[in-house]
C-alpha atoms as a PDB file:
ATOM      1  CA  UNK A   1      27.088-130.627   7.622  1.00  0.00           C
ATOM      2  CA  UNK A   2      28.451-133.665   9.448  1.00  0.00           C
ATOM      3  CA  UNK A   3      30.519-136.414   7.878  1.00  0.00           C
ATOM      4  CA  UNK A   4      28.788-139.693   6.924  1.00  0.00           C
ATOM      5  CA  UNK A   5      28.836-142.400   9.557  1.00  0.00           C
ATOM      6  CA  UNK A   6      31.430-145.141   9.276  1.00  0.00           C
ATOM      7  CA  UNK A   7      30.401-148.811   9.300  1.00  0.00           C
ATOM      8  CA  UNK A   8      31.630-149.167  12.881  1.00  0.00           C
ATOM      9  CA  UNK A   9      29.593-146.144  13.963  1.00  0.00           C
ATOM     10  CA  UNK A  10      26.508-147.562  12.233  1.00  0.00           C
ATOM     11  CA  UNK A  11      26.973-150.918  14.000  1.00  0.00           C
ATOM     12  CA  UNK A  12      27.318-149.161  17.353  1.00  0.00           C
ATOM     13  CA  UNK A  13      24.224-147.047  16.660  1.00  0.00           C
ATOM     14  CA  UNK A  14      22.207-150.134  15.703  1.00  0.00           C
ATOM     15  CA  UNK A  15      23.342-151.910  18.858  1.00  0.00           C
ATOM     16  CA  UNK A  16      22.207-148.967  20.949  1.00  0.00           C
ATOM     17  CA  UNK A  17      19.003-148.279  19.030  1.00  0.00           C
ATOM     18  CA  UNK A  18      17.392-151.368  17.501  1.00  0.00           C
ATOM     19  CA  UNK A  19      14.838-148.985  15.977  1.00  0.00           C
ATOM     20  CA  UNK A  20      17.241-148.712  13.029  1.00  0.00           C
ATOM     21  CA  UNK A  21      17.419-152.432  12.194  1.00  0.00           C
ATOM     22  CA  UNK A  22      15.426-154.545   9.751  1.00  0.00           C
ATOM     23  CA  UNK A  23      15.068-157.243  12.421  1.00  0.00           C
ATOM     24  CA  UNK A  24      13.288-154.801  14.731  1.00  0.00           C
ATOM     25  CA  UNK A  25      10.861-153.681  12.008  1.00  0.00           C
ATOM     26  CA  UNK A  26      10.088-157.264  10.956  1.00  0.00           C
ATOM     27  CA  UNK A  27       9.353-158.094  14.606  1.00  0.00           C
ATOM     28  CA  UNK A  28       7.247-154.943  14.936  1.00  0.00           C
ATOM     29  CA  UNK A  29       5.290-155.647  11.736  1.00  0.00           C
ATOM     30  CA  UNK A  30       4.373-159.111  12.979  1.00  0.00           C
ATOM     31  CA  UNK A  31       3.188-157.701  16.312  1.00  0.00           C
ATOM     32  CA  UNK A  32       1.196-154.889  14.690  1.00  0.00           C
ATOM     33  CA  UNK A  33      -0.536-157.231  12.228  1.00  0.00           C
ATOM     34  CA  UNK A  34      -1.487-159.771  14.882  1.00  0.00           C
ATOM     35  CA  UNK A  35      -2.695-157.014  17.213  1.00  0.00           C
ATOM     36  CA  UNK A  36      -4.859-155.561  14.439  1.00  0.00           C
ATOM     37  CA  UNK A  37      -6.315-159.000  13.741  1.00  0.00           C
ATOM     38  CA  UNK A  38      -7.027-159.475  17.444  1.00  0.00           C
ATOM     39  CA  UNK A  39      -8.721-156.074  17.660  1.00  0.00           C
ATOM     40  CA  UNK A  40     -10.864-156.852  14.617  1.00  0.00           C
ATOM     41  CA  UNK A  41     -11.786-160.267  15.995  1.00  0.00           C
ATOM     42  CA  UNK A  42     -12.743-158.768  19.348  1.00  0.00           C
ATOM     43  CA  UNK A  43     -15.159-156.339  17.682  1.00  0.00           C
ATOM     44  CA  UNK A  44     -16.524-158.964  15.265  1.00  0.00           C
ATOM     45  CA  UNK A  45     -17.288-161.333  18.128  1.00  0.00           C
ATOM     46  CA  UNK A  46     -19.280-158.729  20.059  1.00  0.00           C
ATOM     47  CA  UNK A  47     -22.991-159.401  20.236  1.00  0.00           C
ATOM     48  CA  UNK A  48     -23.699-155.960  18.744  1.00  0.00           C
ATOM     49  CA  UNK A  49     -21.752-156.657  15.523  1.00  0.00           C
ATOM     50  CA  UNK A  50     -24.099-156.941  12.525  1.00  0.00           C
ATOM     51  CA  UNK A  51     -22.601-158.304   9.307  1.00  0.00           C
ATOM     52  CA  UNK A  52     -24.590-156.010   7.014  1.00  0.00           C
ATOM     53  CA  UNK A  53     -24.329-152.822   9.080  1.00  0.00           C
ATOM     54  CA  UNK A  54     -21.769-150.254   7.920  1.00  0.00           C
ATOM     55  CA  UNK A  55     -21.403-148.968  11.488  1.00  0.00           C
ATOM     56  CA  UNK A  56     -20.284-152.406  12.616  1.00  0.00           C
ATOM     57  CA  UNK A  57     -17.565-152.474   9.964  1.00  0.00           C
ATOM     58  CA  UNK A  58     -16.469-148.964  10.952  1.00  0.00           C
ATOM     59  CA  UNK A  59     -16.242-150.122  14.570  1.00  0.00           C
ATOM     60  CA  UNK A  60     -14.152-153.087  13.445  1.00  0.00           C
ATOM     61  CA  UNK A  61     -11.793-150.738  11.632  1.00  0.00           C
ATOM     62  CA  UNK A  62     -11.464-148.558  14.710  1.00  0.00           C
ATOM     63  CA  UNK A  63     -10.830-151.594  16.910  1.00  0.00           C
ATOM     64  CA  UNK A  64      -8.213-153.006  14.575  1.00  0.00           C
ATOM     65  CA  UNK A  65      -6.564-149.634  14.031  1.00  0.00           C
ATOM     66  CA  UNK A  66      -6.418-148.823  17.719  1.00  0.00           C
ATOM     67  CA  UNK A  67      -4.891-152.188  18.583  1.00  0.00           C
ATOM     68  CA  UNK A  68      -2.328-151.800  15.780  1.00  0.00           C
ATOM     69  CA  UNK A  69      -1.398-148.272  16.864  1.00  0.00           C
ATOM     70  CA  UNK A  70      -0.955-149.278  20.505  1.00  0.00           C
ATOM     71  CA  UNK A  71       1.229-152.192  19.405  1.00  0.00           C
ATOM     72  CA  UNK A  72       3.368-149.937  17.198  1.00  0.00           C
ATOM     73  CA  UNK A  73       3.839-147.347  19.933  1.00  0.00           C
ATOM     74  CA  UNK A  74       4.726-150.033  22.491  1.00  0.00           C
ATOM     75  CA  UNK A  75       7.324-151.473  20.107  1.00  0.00           C
ATOM     76  CA  UNK A  76       8.934-148.068  19.614  1.00  0.00           C
ATOM     77  CA  UNK A  77       9.073-147.510  23.373  1.00  0.00           C
ATOM     78  CA  UNK A  78      10.466-151.025  23.859  1.00  0.00           C
ATOM     79  CA  UNK A  79      13.233-150.318  21.346  1.00  0.00           C
ATOM     80  CA  UNK A  80      14.853-148.093  23.958  1.00  0.00           C
ATOM     81  CA  UNK A  81      15.448-151.192  26.100  1.00  0.00           C
ATOM     82  CA  UNK A  82      18.276-152.338  23.861  1.00  0.00           C
ATOM     83  CA  UNK A  83      17.153-155.961  23.518  1.00  0.00           C
ATOM     84  CA  UNK A  84      16.995-155.704  19.728  1.00  0.00           C
ATOM     85  CA  UNK A  85      13.348-156.666  19.611  1.00  0.00           C
ATOM     86  CA  UNK A  86       9.996-154.965  19.928  1.00  0.00           C
ATOM     87  CA  UNK A  87       9.404-156.597  23.315  1.00  0.00           C
ATOM     88  CA  UNK A  88       9.582-154.910  26.691  1.00  0.00           C
ATOM     89  CA  UNK A  89      10.996-158.061  28.302  1.00  0.00           C
ATOM     90  CA  UNK A  90      14.537-159.333  27.736  1.00  0.00           C
ATOM     91  CA  UNK A  91      15.041-162.429  25.616  1.00  0.00           C
ATOM     92  CA  UNK A  92      14.605-165.639  27.583  1.00  0.00           C
END
């Protein structure tokens, strides 16, 4: 069993892997929520969407869920870039 990490080691780990910071997860949550909303809106605006049809609502759920999942996975991959955010591009 390894010894617990010191504060300095935790800071260094967070600097290397933003995946372990609250800032990263807040950024990721915002991106996932807005992506899900965009996916739902895209399906709802399709000409085949029928307000009273259960299949249309299921399609909306799939669209929103897929967009959210892609956003989450992209954020996790982007965390390896070391920018501290869920973005693939460096801060401007």
